[in-house]
Amino acid sequence: MENLTDEELMELVVGGNLDMMRHLFKRYHSKIYNFCFQMTKDKDLSKDITQEVFYKVLKHRGTYKQNKFSSWIYAIARNLCKDHYKFLNKTRPLNDKDLKEVYKINDTISEPLGNIRQLNFALEQLGN
């Protein structure tokens, strides 16, 4: 089985031979982890996303279209990393530094940071 290409192994997985997934896992586990770590700079998060990548490969194996397997699995990893940051940016409250950087707020603009703090507090209360 070691001499089969990634695409041949994935075709076997798609065909129902889920045991072949272990060969793909051995080939790609550390590569996907390193890719995720480069994007997140967080070891634990990279481990979690790496696990999720292989879960999605199995779950969505029916959508594999005989393309280059490495491109497909890296696209899954990239999308999961992006999804994490979308979720993170929607759920974490903004701080004054974030607001200054994102909106280029300075002390001369009419909206004082105190009002923004009050708005953040009110939004947090709504979320609870």
C-alpha atoms as a PDB file:
ATOM      1  CA  MET A   1       0.000   0.000   0.000  1.00  0.00           C
ATOM      2  CA  GLU A   2       2.978   2.288   0.505  1.00  0.00           C
ATOM      3  CA  ASN A   3       3.562   2.379  -3.268  1.00  0.00           C
ATOM      4  CA  LEU A   4       0.053   3.683  -4.057  1.00  0.00           C
ATOM      5  CA  THR A   5      -0.352   7.365  -4.866  1.00  0.00           C
ATOM      6  CA  ASP A   6      -2.363   9.633  -2.608  1.00  0.00           C
ATOM      7  CA  GLU A   7      -5.072   9.759  -5.235  1.00  0.00           C
ATOM      8  CA  GLU A   8      -5.247   5.959  -5.490  1.00  0.00           C
ATOM      9  CA  LEU A   9      -5.477   5.652  -1.709  1.00  0.00           C
ATOM     10  CA  MET A  10      -8.226   8.251  -1.580  1.00  0.00           C
ATOM     11  CA  GLU A  11     -10.167   6.430  -4.281  1.00  0.00           C
ATOM     12  CA  LEU A  12     -10.033   3.305  -2.113  1.00  0.00           C
ATOM     13  CA  VAL A  13     -11.288   5.346   0.861  1.00  0.00           C
ATOM     14  CA  VAL A  14     -14.101   6.785  -1.276  1.00  0.00           C
ATOM     15  CA  GLY A  15     -14.934   3.240  -2.327  1.00  0.00           C
ATOM     16  CA  GLY A  16     -15.436   2.235   1.300  1.00  0.00           C
ATOM     17  CA  ASN A  17     -12.024   0.897   2.310  1.00  0.00           C
ATOM     18  CA  LEU A  18     -11.625   3.257   5.274  1.00  0.00           C
ATOM     19  CA  ASP A  19      -8.546   1.400   6.500  1.00  0.00           C
ATOM     20  CA  MET A  20      -6.586   3.052   3.676  1.00  0.00           C
ATOM     21  CA  MET A  21      -7.104   6.385   5.427  1.00  0.00           C
ATOM     22  CA  ARG A  22      -4.364   5.454   7.891  1.00  0.00           C
ATOM     23  CA  HIS A  23      -1.792   5.608   5.064  1.00  0.00           C
ATOM     24  CA  LEU A  24      -2.940   9.088   4.078  1.00  0.00           C
ATOM     25  CA  PHE A  25      -2.919  10.084   7.735  1.00  0.00           C
ATOM     26  CA  LYS A  26       0.698   8.914   8.096  1.00  0.00           C
ATOM     27  CA  ARG A  27       1.712  10.844   4.993  1.00  0.00           C
ATOM     28  CA  TYR A  28      -0.063  14.088   5.798  1.00  0.00           C
ATOM     29  CA  HIS A  29      -0.526  14.402   9.558  1.00  0.00           C
ATOM     30  CA  SER A  30       2.661  16.329  10.300  1.00  0.00           C
ATOM     31  CA  LYS A  31       2.428  18.334   7.058  1.00  0.00           C
ATOM     32  CA  ILE A  32      -1.105  19.496   7.858  1.00  0.00           C
ATOM     33  CA  TYR A  33      -0.169  20.233  11.467  1.00  0.00           C
ATOM     34  CA  ASN A  34       2.804  22.355  10.339  1.00  0.00           C
ATOM     35  CA  PHE A  35       0.632  24.160   7.794  1.00  0.00           C
ATOM     36  CA  CYS A  36      -1.961  24.955  10.477  1.00  0.00           C
ATOM     37  CA  PHE A  37       0.732  26.034  12.914  1.00  0.00           C
ATOM     38  CA  GLN A  38       2.134  28.462  10.348  1.00  0.00           C
ATOM     39  CA  MET A  39      -1.316  30.007  10.034  1.00  0.00           C
ATOM     40  CA  THR A  40      -2.314  30.030  13.721  1.00  0.00           C
ATOM     41  CA  LYS A  41       0.974  30.108  15.673  1.00  0.00           C
ATOM     42  CA  ASP A  42      -0.872  28.023  18.305  1.00  0.00           C
ATOM     43  CA  LYS A  43       0.183  24.408  18.955  1.00  0.00           C
ATOM     44  CA  ASP A  44      -3.037  23.247  20.623  1.00  0.00           C
ATOM     45  CA  LEU A  45      -5.264  24.917  18.067  1.00  0.00           C
ATOM     46  CA  SER A  46      -3.171  23.435  15.256  1.00  0.00           C
ATOM     47  CA  LYS A  47      -3.628  19.954  16.737  1.00  0.00           C
ATOM     48  CA  ASP A  48      -7.380  20.484  16.957  1.00  0.00           C
ATOM     49  CA  ILE A  49      -7.659  21.783  13.409  1.00  0.00           C
ATOM     50  CA  THR A  50      -5.485  18.926  12.125  1.00  0.00           C
ATOM     51  CA  GLN A  51      -7.863  16.412  13.702  1.00  0.00           C
ATOM     52  CA  GLU A  52     -10.815  18.252  12.201  1.00  0.00           C
ATOM     53  CA  VAL A  53      -9.169  18.143   8.761  1.00  0.00           C
ATOM     54  CA  PHE A  54      -8.948  14.346   8.798  1.00  0.00           C
ATOM     55  CA  TYR A  55     -12.464  14.072  10.186  1.00  0.00           C
ATOM     56  CA  LYS A  56     -13.726  16.199   7.277  1.00  0.00           C
ATOM     57  CA  VAL A  57     -11.751  14.145   4.751  1.00  0.00           C
ATOM     58  CA  LEU A  58     -13.582  11.042   5.954  1.00  0.00           C
ATOM     59  CA  LYS A  59     -16.954  12.717   6.358  1.00  0.00           C
ATOM     60  CA  HIS A  60     -16.874  14.359   2.929  1.00  0.00           C
ATOM     61  CA  ARG A  61     -14.988  11.646   1.060  1.00  0.00           C
ATOM     62  CA  GLY A  62     -17.899  11.377  -1.366  1.00  0.00           C
ATOM     63  CA  THR A  63     -17.165  14.887  -2.634  1.00  0.00           C
ATOM     64  CA  TYR A  64     -13.586  14.015  -3.646  1.00  0.00           C
ATOM     65  CA  LYS A  65     -13.408  14.354  -7.433  1.00  0.00           C
ATOM     66  CA  GLN A  66     -10.154  12.565  -8.302  1.00  0.00           C
ATOM     67  CA  ASN A  67      -8.261  15.829  -8.137  1.00  0.00           C
ATOM     68  CA  LYS A  68      -4.803  16.106  -6.662  1.00  0.00           C
ATOM     69  CA  PHE A  69      -5.310  14.889  -3.088  1.00  0.00           C
ATOM     70  CA  SER A  70      -2.748  17.232  -1.553  1.00  0.00           C
ATOM     71  CA  SER A  71      -4.514  20.287  -2.992  1.00  0.00           C
ATOM     72  CA  TRP A  72      -7.837  19.053  -1.643  1.00  0.00           C
ATOM     73  CA  ILE A  73      -6.627  18.346   1.896  1.00  0.00           C
ATOM     74  CA  TYR A  74      -4.704  21.630   2.127  1.00  0.00           C
ATOM     75  CA  ALA A  75      -7.808  23.510   0.962  1.00  0.00           C
ATOM     76  CA  ILE A  76      -9.759  21.862   3.791  1.00  0.00           C
ATOM     77  CA  ALA A  77      -7.052  22.865   6.290  1.00  0.00           C
ATOM     78  CA  ARG A  78      -6.898  26.440   4.992  1.00  0.00           C
ATOM     79  CA  ASN A  79     -10.677  26.808   5.156  1.00  0.00           C
ATOM     80  CA  LEU A  80     -10.809  25.463   8.713  1.00  0.00           C
ATOM     81  CA  CYS A  81      -8.112  27.921   9.812  1.00  0.00           C
ATOM     82  CA  LYS A  82      -9.995  30.783   8.157  1.00  0.00           C
ATOM     83  CA  ASP A  83     -13.272  29.635   9.748  1.00  0.00           C
ATOM     84  CA  HIS A  84     -11.607  29.654  13.151  1.00  0.00           C
ATOM     85  CA  TYR A  85     -10.537  33.265  12.733  1.00  0.00           C
ATOM     86  CA  LYS A  86     -13.944  34.315  11.438  1.00  0.00           C
ATOM     87  CA  PHE A  87     -15.513  32.771  14.544  1.00  0.00           C
ATOM     88  CA  LEU A  88     -12.872  34.270  16.815  1.00  0.00           C
ATOM     89  CA  ASN A  89     -13.365  37.754  15.395  1.00  0.00           C
ATOM     90  CA  LYS A  90     -17.138  37.500  15.846  1.00  0.00           C
ATOM     91  CA  THR A  91     -16.973  36.286  19.440  1.00  0.00           C
ATOM     92  CA  ARG A  92     -14.142  38.145  21.104  1.00  0.00           C
ATOM     93  CA  PRO A  93     -14.824  41.662  22.332  1.00  0.00           C
ATOM     94  CA  LEU A  94     -12.793  44.378  20.725  1.00  0.00           C
ATOM     95  CA  ASN A  95     -10.342  46.245  22.864  1.00  0.00           C
ATOM     96  CA  ASP A  96      -9.216  49.836  22.505  1.00  0.00           C
ATOM     97  CA  LYS A  97      -6.036  48.850  20.639  1.00  0.00           C
ATOM     98  CA  ASP A  98      -8.020  46.782  18.116  1.00  0.00           C
ATOM     99  CA  LEU A  99     -10.392  49.642  17.530  1.00  0.00           C
ATOM    100  CA  LYS A 100      -7.602  52.141  17.003  1.00  0.00           C
ATOM    101  CA  GLU A 101      -5.896  49.855  14.502  1.00  0.00           C
ATOM    102  CA  VAL A 102      -8.981  48.763  12.615  1.00  0.00           C
ATOM    103  CA  TYR A 103     -10.826  52.043  12.491  1.00  0.00           C
ATOM    104  CA  LYS A 104      -7.805  54.345  12.800  1.00  0.00           C
ATOM    105  CA  ILE A 105      -9.442  56.062  15.762  1.00  0.00           C
ATOM    106  CA  ASN A 106      -7.380  58.774  17.329  1.00  0.00           C
ATOM    107  CA  ASP A 107      -8.034  61.084  20.241  1.00  0.00           C
ATOM    108  CA  THR A 108      -9.302  63.914  18.045  1.00  0.00           C
ATOM    109  CA  ILE A 109     -12.234  61.987  16.555  1.00  0.00           C
ATOM    110  CA  SER A 110     -15.589  62.884  18.058  1.00  0.00           C
ATOM    111  CA  GLU A 111     -16.367  59.324  19.265  1.00  0.00           C
ATOM    112  CA  PRO A 112     -14.460  58.971  22.544  1.00  0.00           C
ATOM    113  CA  LEU A 113     -13.141  55.546  23.475  1.00  0.00           C
ATOM    114  CA  GLY A 114     -15.216  55.664  26.671  1.00  0.00           C
ATOM    115  CA  ASN A 115     -18.389  55.412  24.590  1.00  0.00           C
ATOM    116  CA  ILE A 116     -16.914  52.487  22.678  1.00  0.00           C
ATOM    117  CA  ARG A 117     -16.156  50.744  25.978  1.00  0.00           C
ATOM    118  CA  GLN A 118     -19.778  51.271  27.029  1.00  0.00           C
ATOM    119  CA  LEU A 119     -20.959  49.865  23.706  1.00  0.00           C
ATOM    120  CA  ASN A 120     -18.730  46.783  24.110  1.00  0.00           C
ATOM    121  CA  PHE A 121     -20.066  46.280  27.642  1.00  0.00           C
ATOM    122  CA  ALA A 122     -23.665  46.537  26.433  1.00  0.00           C
ATOM    123  CA  LEU A 123     -23.007  44.094  23.603  1.00  0.00           C
ATOM    124  CA  GLU A 124     -21.425  41.623  26.023  1.00  0.00           C
ATOM    125  CA  GLN A 125     -24.513  41.857  28.249  1.00  0.00           C
ATOM    126  CA  LEU A 126     -26.763  41.082  25.276  1.00  0.00           C
ATOM    127  CA  GLY A 127     -24.663  38.011  24.479  1.00  0.00           C
ATOM    128  CA  ASN A 128     -25.087  36.622  28.015  1.00  0.00           C
END
